[in-house]
Amino acid sequence: MINTLIEMFSYNFLVRAVVVGALVSLCAALLGVSLVLKRYSMIGDGLSHVGFGALAIATALNVAPLSVSIPIVVAAAFLLLRLSENSKIKGDAAIAIISTGSLALGVMIIAWTTGMNTDVCNYLFGSILAMSKNDVYLSIALSIVVLLLFIVFYHKLFGITFDETFAKTSGVKVGIFNMLITFLTAITIVLGMRMMGAMLISSLIVFPALTSMRVFKTWKSVTISSAIVSIVCFFIGVVVSYVYATPTGASVVMMNIVAFIGFWVVSKINLNRQGRKGHKVIKPIFALSALFAVLFLSCSKNQPVETISAPAPAPIVKAKPVDNSPIEIKEKMFIAQTNEIYLNQEDYIGRTIKLAGLFMHNQYTNIDGSEGPVYNFVIRYGPGCCGYDGTAGFEAYWTPPDQAIPADDPDANKPYPQINDWVIAEGTLKQYAEDDNPNKFLYIDLSSLTIDNENRGSEFVSQ
């Protein structure tokens, strides 16, 4: 187990993902207690669909997703609150109308712009392992704000959760604190969507609270237990996802289901003991031990990172000396590590990258029918979306792809492998831009390219 954890946290992007995920899980669990008791827990599902529509708009406008989705989701949350309080449309109906409408709008916008691609699936079902540094910093800052506001107004939230009428007569401004809960929930939903996806984010709000209520009976104990259960289930889910190559969001939800079943069994045992023998209730802390047992069991299958160990095959050309040790993109976490480089390009430009995969040529045709440029890639196949295969990897060239190779240049005589040859590529990560496209593309300026068909790794990777 220790080796597995050390292996996991050797990836910097995975460390950042765990930190953000733990904070978001904690915020969702604390707010979930109030939302479940007020029978308003499905607001998370509704707001997540609104968030998906907002992310679709941000994608179409090519702007930062969080800068668009946060104000839109907050506005939708206040609208839901107002509709449920002052309209003939009740809370559940209002959530259904806004959530389905927003989801439909998001799908339409994406269909007209980028199409139903893998990135869309990340927003629908979650992809915690692909977060930019800006997303991480903003998520941490907003999560801390949510936690501080919850702690400061803890007693007020307790009052309006159990008896709004009594709280109002006691001088509590119920409307303001209902708006506060709604605002904090909206922020938490937006932060959690990247981790869990629009389809699964409501589970972070509902499950920890319901699980804790099986055993604990007071507001304070349920709140503390929900926080612990949420963080533990999230961490175990990430470990299970890493070890068994399962989707992160779905793994976290399954761990919450396991916890719910475990707490339900403990509650039944407690009930039977009280009824038959008058024994004290089993101390609820033992219920958490089942979760830690799952962690140990899930990590017992110690799967080392799969790397290709070739018996020193002869490279096509000799490798040039490099100034720094290469960043090796390994078979395990191949997609996540590639996404990390694309999302945080400024941290990797100029670094030496090493990866193994399939070599591919793409010959493009110009509008007039003549042959266009040839693009060379080192890739692996990954899970796609909506019937399409996905790919992960980099373009690879002996010289920059936006420059012609002079006939007398030594690089002009360097051969490329055949299509589907298994290669080990190493070189410097660089950028180039095309005249008709504002985006910058990444490519590896090759220093060595080794054909190694006898030691092929997995052509399809899931992480």
Protein backbone atom coordinates (compact mmCIF):
# COMPACT_ATOMS: atom_id res chain seq x y z
CA MET A 1 0.00 0.00 0.00
CA ILE A 2 2.79 2.43 0.93
CA ASN A 3 4.46 1.86 -2.43
CA THR A 4 1.20 2.57 -4.22
CA LEU A 5 0.72 5.86 -2.36
CA ILE A 6 4.33 6.92 -3.00
CA GLU A 7 3.87 6.07 -6.66
CA MET A 8 0.63 8.07 -6.83
CA PHE A 9 2.01 11.19 -5.23
CA SER A 10 5.07 11.22 -7.44
CA TYR A 11 2.77 12.94 -9.95
CA ASN A 12 2.49 16.64 -9.09
CA PHE A 13 -0.83 17.03 -10.90
CA LEU A 14 -2.30 14.17 -8.88
CA VAL A 15 -1.22 15.85 -5.64
CA ARG A 16 -2.99 19.06 -6.71
CA ALA A 17 -6.08 17.08 -7.69
CA VAL A 18 -6.25 15.35 -4.30
CA VAL A 19 -5.91 18.67 -2.43
CA VAL A 20 -8.67 20.34 -4.45
CA GLY A 21 -10.89 17.28 -4.32
CA ALA A 22 -10.58 16.95 -0.56
CA LEU A 23 -11.52 20.62 -0.04
CA VAL A 24 -14.49 20.42 -2.41
CA SER A 25 -15.66 17.17 -0.79
CA LEU A 26 -15.46 18.81 2.63
CA CYS A 27 -17.47 21.84 1.50
CA ALA A 28 -20.11 19.69 -0.18
CA ALA A 29 -20.49 17.46 2.89
CA LEU A 30 -20.94 20.38 5.30
CA LEU A 31 -23.52 22.10 3.12
CA GLY A 32 -25.17 18.78 2.35
CA VAL A 33 -26.35 18.35 5.95
CA SER A 34 -28.45 21.53 5.75
CA LEU A 35 -29.67 20.82 2.22
CA VAL A 36 -30.73 17.24 3.04
CA LEU A 37 -32.54 18.26 6.23
CA LYS A 38 -34.31 21.09 4.38
CA ARG A 39 -35.28 18.58 1.67
CA TYR A 40 -33.52 20.66 -0.92
CA SER A 41 -30.68 18.30 -1.74
CA MET A 42 -31.47 18.01 -5.46
CA ILE A 43 -30.44 21.64 -5.93
CA GLY A 44 -26.95 20.24 -6.48
CA ASP A 45 -28.13 18.23 -9.45
CA GLY A 46 -29.99 21.19 -10.89
CA LEU A 47 -27.13 23.63 -10.49
CA SER A 48 -24.64 21.18 -11.97
CA HIS A 49 -26.69 21.12 -15.17
CA VAL A 50 -26.69 24.91 -15.17
CA GLY A 51 -22.93 24.74 -14.73
CA PHE A 52 -22.64 22.46 -17.75
CA GLY A 53 -24.53 25.01 -19.85
CA ALA A 54 -22.23 27.76 -18.57
CA LEU A 55 -19.14 25.70 -19.40
CA ALA A 56 -20.49 25.19 -22.93
CA ILE A 57 -20.82 28.96 -23.31
CA ALA A 58 -17.28 29.46 -22.00
CA THR A 59 -15.96 26.88 -24.46
CA ALA A 60 -17.75 28.54 -27.36
CA LEU A 61 -16.34 31.96 -26.37
CA ASN A 62 -12.86 30.49 -25.71
CA VAL A 63 -12.66 32.02 -22.23
CA ALA A 64 -11.76 30.62 -18.81
CA PRO A 65 -14.53 28.19 -17.75
CA LEU A 66 -14.71 29.18 -14.08
CA SER A 67 -14.94 32.91 -14.83
CA VAL A 68 -18.15 32.27 -16.78
CA SER A 69 -19.71 29.40 -14.86
CA ILE A 70 -19.44 30.87 -11.34
CA PRO A 71 -21.61 33.99 -11.91
CA ILE A 72 -24.13 32.09 -14.04
CA VAL A 73 -24.56 29.28 -11.50
CA VAL A 74 -24.82 31.74 -8.60
CA ALA A 75 -27.51 33.69 -10.46
CA ALA A 76 -29.38 30.46 -11.21
CA ALA A 77 -29.17 29.45 -7.55
CA PHE A 78 -30.74 32.73 -6.42
CA LEU A 79 -33.43 32.33 -9.09
CA LEU A 80 -34.24 28.85 -7.81
CA LEU A 81 -34.48 30.17 -4.26
CA ARG A 82 -36.81 32.97 -5.30
CA LEU A 83 -39.01 30.64 -7.36
CA SER A 84 -39.36 28.15 -4.51
CA GLU A 85 -40.30 30.89 -2.03
CA ASN A 86 -42.53 33.24 -3.99
CA SER A 87 -43.85 31.35 -6.98
CA LYS A 88 -46.54 28.82 -7.74
CA ILE A 89 -43.77 26.64 -9.16
CA LYS A 90 -42.48 24.57 -6.26
CA GLY A 91 -38.83 23.82 -5.58
CA ASP A 92 -38.58 20.43 -7.25
CA ALA A 93 -40.42 21.61 -10.36
CA ALA A 94 -38.27 24.74 -10.58
CA ILE A 95 -35.12 22.64 -10.35
CA ALA A 96 -36.37 20.32 -13.09
CA ILE A 97 -37.20 23.19 -15.43
CA ILE A 98 -33.93 25.06 -15.00
CA SER A 99 -31.70 21.98 -14.97
CA THR A 100 -33.11 20.32 -18.08
CA GLY A 101 -33.27 23.62 -19.94
CA SER A 102 -29.65 24.42 -19.11
CA LEU A 103 -28.47 20.94 -20.07
CA ALA A 104 -30.28 21.16 -23.41
CA LEU A 105 -28.80 24.61 -24.05
CA GLY A 106 -25.30 23.34 -23.29
CA VAL A 107 -25.65 20.38 -25.64
CA MET A 108 -26.93 22.63 -28.43
CA ILE A 109 -24.07 25.12 -28.04
CA ILE A 110 -21.46 22.36 -28.03
CA ALA A 111 -23.02 20.69 -31.06
CA TRP A 112 -22.77 23.99 -32.96
CA THR A 113 -19.18 24.69 -31.91
CA THR A 114 -16.69 22.05 -30.78
CA GLY A 115 -18.85 18.96 -31.19
CA MET A 116 -19.38 16.17 -28.66
CA ASN A 117 -15.73 15.47 -27.94
CA THR A 118 -13.77 13.96 -25.07
CA ASP A 119 -13.52 17.28 -23.22
CA VAL A 120 -17.32 17.45 -23.10
CA CYS A 121 -17.38 14.01 -21.48
CA ASN A 122 -14.94 15.31 -18.88
CA TYR A 123 -17.47 17.96 -17.87
CA LEU A 124 -20.35 15.47 -17.90
CA PHE A 125 -18.65 12.68 -15.95
CA GLY A 126 -15.64 14.36 -14.37
CA SER A 127 -11.90 14.48 -14.95
CA ILE A 128 -10.12 15.52 -11.77
CA LEU A 129 -6.76 14.60 -13.28
CA ALA A 130 -6.85 17.43 -15.83
CA MET A 131 -6.85 20.75 -13.99
CA SER A 132 -4.82 23.81 -14.90
CA LYS A 133 -2.84 25.60 -12.21
CA ASN A 134 -5.20 28.59 -12.35
CA ASP A 135 -8.16 26.26 -11.74
CA VAL A 136 -6.35 24.74 -8.77
CA TYR A 137 -5.50 28.07 -7.12
CA LEU A 138 -9.00 29.47 -7.65
CA SER A 139 -10.61 26.28 -6.35
CA ILE A 140 -8.47 26.30 -3.20
CA ALA A 141 -9.23 29.98 -2.51
CA LEU A 142 -12.98 29.62 -3.00
CA SER A 143 -13.11 26.40 -0.96
CA ILE A 144 -11.44 28.19 1.96
CA VAL A 145 -13.99 31.02 1.67
CA VAL A 146 -16.86 28.50 1.78
CA LEU A 147 -15.41 26.78 4.85
CA LEU A 148 -14.80 30.03 6.71
CA LEU A 149 -18.32 31.31 6.05
CA PHE A 150 -19.79 27.99 7.18
CA ILE A 151 -17.80 28.10 10.44
CA VAL A 152 -18.60 31.76 11.16
CA PHE A 153 -22.35 31.33 10.64
CA TYR A 154 -22.55 27.77 11.97
CA HIS A 155 -25.19 28.49 14.65
CA LYS A 156 -27.35 30.58 12.32
CA LEU A 157 -27.33 27.82 9.72
CA PHE A 158 -28.31 25.35 12.42
CA GLY A 159 -31.31 27.52 13.37
CA ILE A 160 -32.73 27.99 9.88
CA THR A 161 -32.19 24.33 9.04
CA PHE A 162 -34.43 22.97 11.78
CA ASP A 163 -37.00 25.70 12.36
CA GLU A 164 -37.11 28.78 10.14
CA THR A 165 -40.12 30.20 11.97
CA PHE A 166 -38.46 30.06 15.37
CA ALA A 167 -35.23 31.42 13.92
CA LYS A 168 -37.13 34.36 12.42
CA THR A 169 -38.82 35.19 15.72
CA SER A 170 -35.40 35.04 17.38
CA GLY A 171 -34.17 37.85 15.14
CA VAL A 172 -32.29 35.77 12.59
CA LYS A 173 -32.56 37.16 9.06
CA VAL A 174 -33.73 33.93 7.50
CA GLY A 175 -33.80 35.24 3.95
CA ILE A 176 -30.18 36.37 4.04
CA PHE A 177 -28.93 33.08 5.44
CA ASN A 178 -30.96 31.07 2.94
CA MET A 179 -29.24 33.12 0.26
CA LEU A 180 -25.91 32.39 1.93
CA ILE A 181 -26.51 28.62 1.81
CA THR A 182 -27.58 28.94 -1.81
CA PHE A 183 -24.49 31.00 -2.69
CA LEU A 184 -22.09 28.58 -0.98
CA THR A 185 -23.79 25.62 -2.65
CA ALA A 186 -23.47 27.22 -6.07
CA ILE A 187 -19.74 27.86 -5.57
CA THR A 188 -19.18 24.29 -4.36
CA ILE A 189 -21.07 22.83 -7.32
CA VAL A 190 -18.98 24.76 -9.83
CA LEU A 191 -15.73 23.72 -8.16
CA GLY A 192 -16.80 20.09 -7.93
CA MET A 193 -18.02 19.76 -11.51
CA ARG A 194 -14.51 19.43 -12.92
CA MET A 195 -13.84 16.63 -10.43
CA MET A 196 -17.13 14.71 -10.46
CA GLY A 197 -18.90 15.93 -13.60
CA ALA A 198 -22.38 17.36 -14.01
CA MET A 199 -23.97 13.93 -13.73
CA LEU A 200 -22.34 12.92 -10.42
CA ILE A 201 -21.65 16.07 -8.41
CA SER A 202 -24.89 15.90 -6.42
CA SER A 203 -23.62 12.66 -4.84
CA LEU A 204 -21.03 14.65 -2.85
CA ILE A 205 -23.85 16.62 -1.27
CA VAL A 206 -26.34 13.84 -0.61
CA PHE A 207 -24.37 10.72 0.33
CA PRO A 208 -22.18 11.87 3.26
CA ALA A 209 -25.12 13.46 5.08
CA LEU A 210 -27.46 10.51 4.54
CA THR A 211 -24.70 8.08 5.50
CA SER A 212 -23.94 9.86 8.77
CA MET A 213 -27.62 10.08 9.68
CA ARG A 214 -27.82 6.28 9.75
CA VAL A 215 -25.74 6.26 12.96
CA PHE A 216 -25.49 9.80 14.33
CA LYS A 217 -28.49 11.74 15.60
CA THR A 218 -27.31 15.25 16.53
CA TRP A 219 -26.53 18.17 14.24
CA LYS A 220 -22.92 18.45 15.42
CA SER A 221 -22.14 14.75 15.20
CA VAL A 222 -23.76 14.42 11.76
CA THR A 223 -21.82 17.43 10.47
CA ILE A 224 -18.47 16.13 11.74
CA SER A 225 -19.16 12.61 10.52
CA SER A 226 -20.23 13.86 7.08
CA ALA A 227 -16.97 15.77 6.71
CA ILE A 228 -14.89 12.73 7.68
CA VAL A 229 -16.87 10.31 5.51
CA SER A 230 -16.70 12.61 2.50
CA ILE A 231 -12.93 13.09 2.66
CA VAL A 232 -12.22 9.42 3.36
CA CYS A 233 -14.48 8.24 0.53
CA PHE A 234 -12.91 10.72 -1.85
CA PHE A 235 -9.38 9.61 -1.01
CA ILE A 236 -10.23 5.93 -1.26
CA GLY A 237 -12.01 6.57 -4.56
CA VAL A 238 -8.92 8.26 -5.99
CA VAL A 239 -6.70 5.37 -4.86
CA VAL A 240 -9.09 2.79 -6.36
CA SER A 241 -9.22 4.81 -9.57
CA TYR A 242 -5.43 4.87 -9.76
CA VAL A 243 -4.90 1.19 -8.98
CA TYR A 244 -7.68 -0.25 -11.14
CA ALA A 245 -7.83 2.42 -13.89
CA THR A 246 -11.47 3.29 -13.22
CA PRO A 247 -13.09 6.73 -13.70
CA THR A 248 -12.33 8.92 -10.70
CA GLY A 249 -15.79 10.41 -10.21
CA ALA A 250 -17.55 7.07 -10.45
CA SER A 251 -15.03 5.50 -8.06
CA VAL A 252 -15.72 8.19 -5.45
CA VAL A 253 -19.48 7.63 -5.76
CA MET A 254 -19.07 3.87 -5.36
CA MET A 255 -17.03 4.39 -2.18
CA ASN A 256 -19.85 6.59 -0.85
CA ILE A 257 -22.32 3.81 -1.60
CA VAL A 258 -20.10 1.33 0.29
CA ALA A 259 -19.96 3.74 3.23
CA PHE A 260 -23.74 4.15 3.21
CA ILE A 261 -24.27 0.39 3.28
CA GLY A 262 -21.70 0.01 6.08
CA PHE A 263 -23.32 2.71 8.24
CA TRP A 264 -26.77 1.24 7.56
CA VAL A 265 -25.59 -2.18 8.79
CA VAL A 266 -24.11 -0.58 11.92
CA SER A 267 -27.39 1.24 12.59
CA LYS A 268 -29.34 -2.03 12.37
CA ILE A 269 -26.92 -3.72 14.78
CA ASN A 270 -27.28 -0.81 17.19
CA LEU A 271 -31.07 -0.99 16.98
CA ASN A 272 -31.14 -4.70 17.71
CA ARG A 273 -28.80 -4.37 20.68
CA GLN A 274 -30.83 -1.55 22.16
CA GLY A 275 -34.09 -3.41 21.75
CA ARG A 276 -33.02 -6.80 23.05
CA LYS A 277 -30.28 -6.27 25.62
CA GLY A 278 -30.27 -2.59 26.44
CA HIS A 279 -26.61 -2.32 25.48
CA LYS A 280 -25.14 1.01 24.62
CA VAL A 281 -25.00 1.99 21.00
CA ILE A 282 -21.87 0.81 19.24
CA LYS A 283 -19.49 3.74 19.11
CA PRO A 284 -19.99 5.22 15.65
CA ILE A 285 -16.29 5.69 15.11
CA PHE A 286 -16.06 1.97 14.35
CA ALA A 287 -18.21 2.54 11.30
CA LEU A 288 -15.38 4.50 9.73
CA SER A 289 -13.01 1.57 10.15
CA ALA A 290 -14.83 -0.22 7.33
CA LEU A 291 -13.83 2.59 4.99
CA PHE A 292 -10.18 2.34 5.96
CA ALA A 293 -10.37 -1.42 5.43
CA VAL A 294 -11.53 -0.76 1.87
CA LEU A 295 -8.49 1.47 1.39
CA PHE A 296 -6.10 -1.27 2.49
CA LEU A 297 -7.83 -3.88 0.34
CA SER A 298 -7.87 -1.64 -2.71
CA CYS A 299 -4.15 -0.95 -2.36
CA SER A 300 -3.15 -4.53 -1.62
CA LYS A 301 -2.84 -5.20 -5.31
CA ASN A 302 0.40 -3.32 -5.72
CA GLN A 303 0.65 -2.52 -9.41
CA PRO A 304 3.92 -0.81 -10.31
CA VAL A 305 4.02 1.76 -13.07
CA GLU A 306 4.32 -0.06 -16.37
CA THR A 307 7.36 1.04 -18.32
CA ILE A 308 8.91 -0.27 -21.48
CA SER A 309 12.27 -1.86 -20.87
CA ALA A 310 13.81 -2.34 -24.28
CA PRO A 311 17.08 -4.29 -24.59
CA ALA A 312 19.02 -1.25 -25.86
CA PRO A 313 17.66 -1.13 -29.44
CA ALA A 314 19.66 0.82 -31.96
CA PRO A 315 18.18 4.30 -32.45
CA ILE A 316 17.73 5.79 -35.88
CA VAL A 317 20.13 8.55 -34.87
CA LYS A 318 22.30 9.15 -31.87
CA ALA A 319 20.66 11.18 -29.13
CA LYS A 320 21.93 14.71 -28.72
CA PRO A 321 23.08 15.69 -25.25
CA VAL A 322 20.30 17.23 -23.15
CA ASP A 323 20.59 19.82 -20.42
CA ASN A 324 18.08 18.22 -18.07
CA SER A 325 16.79 14.77 -17.29
CA PRO A 326 13.77 13.87 -19.42
CA ILE A 327 10.20 13.96 -18.17
CA GLU A 328 9.03 10.45 -18.92
CA ILE A 329 5.35 10.05 -19.79
CA LYS A 330 4.62 6.59 -18.45
CA GLU A 331 2.02 4.11 -19.57
CA LYS A 332 0.10 4.43 -16.32
CA MET A 333 -1.50 7.89 -16.15
CA PHE A 334 -0.50 8.50 -19.80
CA ILE A 335 -3.61 10.56 -20.62
CA ALA A 336 -3.55 12.50 -17.36
CA GLN A 337 0.15 13.32 -17.66
CA THR A 338 -0.28 14.43 -21.28
CA ASN A 339 -3.26 16.62 -20.32
CA GLU A 340 -1.22 18.14 -17.51
CA ILE A 341 1.46 19.23 -19.99
CA TYR A 342 -1.10 20.70 -22.40
CA LEU A 343 -2.95 22.56 -19.64
CA ASN A 344 0.20 24.01 -18.03
CA GLN A 345 2.37 24.53 -21.10
CA GLU A 346 4.41 27.35 -19.57
CA ASP A 347 5.87 24.89 -17.05
CA TYR A 348 7.05 22.44 -19.72
CA ILE A 349 8.14 24.42 -22.78
CA GLY A 350 11.87 23.82 -23.26
CA ARG A 351 11.89 20.69 -21.11
CA THR A 352 12.94 17.30 -22.45
CA ILE A 353 10.02 14.90 -22.96
CA LYS A 354 10.28 11.15 -23.39
CA LEU A 355 7.37 8.89 -24.31
CA ALA A 356 6.60 5.62 -26.06
CA GLY A 357 3.70 4.98 -28.40
CA LEU A 358 2.46 4.48 -31.94
CA PHE A 359 3.97 6.56 -34.72
CA MET A 360 1.40 8.15 -37.02
CA HIS A 361 1.46 10.28 -40.21
CA ASN A 362 -1.45 12.49 -41.23
CA GLN A 363 -1.36 13.80 -44.81
CA TYR A 364 -3.63 16.81 -45.21
CA THR A 365 -5.09 18.03 -48.51
CA ASN A 366 -5.30 21.69 -49.48
CA ILE A 367 -8.49 23.32 -50.71
CA ASP A 368 -7.25 23.17 -54.32
CA GLY A 369 -6.73 19.43 -54.03
CA SER A 370 -2.95 19.52 -53.77
CA GLU A 371 -1.08 17.72 -51.02
CA GLY A 372 -0.85 19.71 -47.81
CA PRO A 373 1.48 19.39 -44.86
CA VAL A 374 2.29 16.08 -43.20
CA TYR A 375 1.86 15.91 -39.42
CA ASN A 376 3.76 13.27 -37.46
CA PHE A 377 2.58 12.05 -34.05
CA VAL A 378 3.58 9.73 -31.23
CA ILE A 379 0.27 8.68 -29.66
CA ARG A 380 -1.73 6.14 -27.72
CA TYR A 381 -5.44 5.56 -27.98
CA GLY A 382 -7.70 6.43 -25.06
CA PRO A 383 -11.39 6.45 -24.21
CA GLY A 384 -13.30 8.83 -26.45
CA CYS A 385 -16.82 10.17 -26.35
CA CYS A 386 -20.07 9.45 -28.13
CA GLY A 387 -18.71 6.68 -30.34
CA TYR A 388 -15.38 8.28 -31.24
CA ASP A 389 -11.96 7.04 -30.17
CA GLY A 390 -9.72 9.46 -28.33
CA THR A 391 -5.97 9.90 -28.70
CA ALA A 392 -3.26 11.31 -26.46
CA GLY A 393 0.28 12.26 -27.36
CA PHE A 394 2.36 14.84 -29.20
CA GLU A 395 3.46 15.86 -32.64
CA ALA A 396 7.06 14.90 -33.27
CA TYR A 397 9.55 16.35 -35.80
CA TRP A 398 13.24 16.53 -36.45
CA THR A 399 12.82 20.24 -37.09
CA PRO A 400 10.03 22.72 -36.25
CA PRO A 401 6.88 21.83 -38.24
CA ASP A 402 6.41 25.42 -39.48
CA GLN A 403 9.80 25.47 -41.19
CA ALA A 404 10.85 23.85 -44.44
CA ILE A 405 13.86 21.53 -44.30
CA PRO A 406 16.65 22.70 -46.65
CA ALA A 407 18.05 19.99 -48.85
CA ASP A 408 21.50 20.37 -47.33
CA ASP A 409 20.21 20.16 -43.75
CA PRO A 410 21.25 16.92 -42.03
CA ASP A 411 17.72 16.60 -40.68
CA ALA A 412 16.43 16.20 -44.24
CA ASN A 413 17.97 12.72 -44.41
CA LYS A 414 16.66 11.48 -41.08
CA PRO A 415 14.01 8.85 -41.74
CA TYR A 416 10.70 8.52 -39.93
CA PRO A 417 9.22 5.14 -38.88
CA GLN A 418 6.30 3.53 -40.66
CA ILE A 419 2.70 4.02 -39.55
CA ASN A 420 1.87 1.97 -36.42
CA ASP A 421 5.52 1.33 -35.62
CA TRP A 422 6.14 1.32 -31.88
CA VAL A 423 8.64 4.05 -31.08
CA ILE A 424 10.38 5.65 -28.12
CA ALA A 425 10.64 9.39 -28.78
CA GLU A 426 12.72 11.93 -26.89
CA GLY A 427 13.22 15.61 -27.53
CA THR A 428 12.57 19.19 -26.48
CA LEU A 429 8.98 20.39 -26.06
CA LYS A 430 8.28 23.46 -28.21
CA GLN A 431 5.36 25.50 -29.56
CA TYR A 432 4.32 26.67 -33.00
CA ALA A 433 1.33 28.57 -34.36
CA GLU A 434 -0.38 28.47 -37.74
CA ASP A 435 -1.39 31.64 -39.55
CA ASP A 436 -5.08 30.81 -39.68
CA ASN A 437 -5.34 29.51 -36.10
CA PRO A 438 -4.74 31.59 -32.95
CA ASN A 439 -4.02 28.51 -30.82
CA LYS A 440 -0.47 27.37 -30.16
CA PHE A 441 0.39 23.75 -30.81
CA LEU A 442 2.89 21.62 -28.94
CA TYR A 443 5.45 19.40 -30.62
CA ILE A 444 8.58 17.49 -29.68
CA ASP A 445 11.73 18.62 -31.46
CA LEU A 446 13.28 15.18 -31.67
CA SER A 447 16.74 14.34 -30.43
CA SER A 448 16.25 10.57 -30.76
CA LEU A 449 13.63 8.25 -32.19
CA THR A 450 13.87 4.53 -31.47
CA ILE A 451 11.87 1.81 -33.21
CA ASP A 452 11.00 -0.95 -30.74
CA ASN A 453 8.26 -3.14 -32.21
CA GLU A 454 9.34 -6.14 -30.16
CA ASN A 455 8.51 -4.44 -26.88
CA ARG A 456 5.17 -2.83 -27.61
CA GLY A 457 3.32 -1.41 -24.64
CA SER A 458 -0.42 -0.98 -24.37
CA GLU A 459 -1.76 0.82 -27.43
CA PHE A 460 -4.96 1.69 -25.52
CA VAL A 461 -4.66 3.47 -22.19
CA SER A 462 -7.48 4.43 -19.84
CA GLN A 463 -5.83 7.00 -17.54
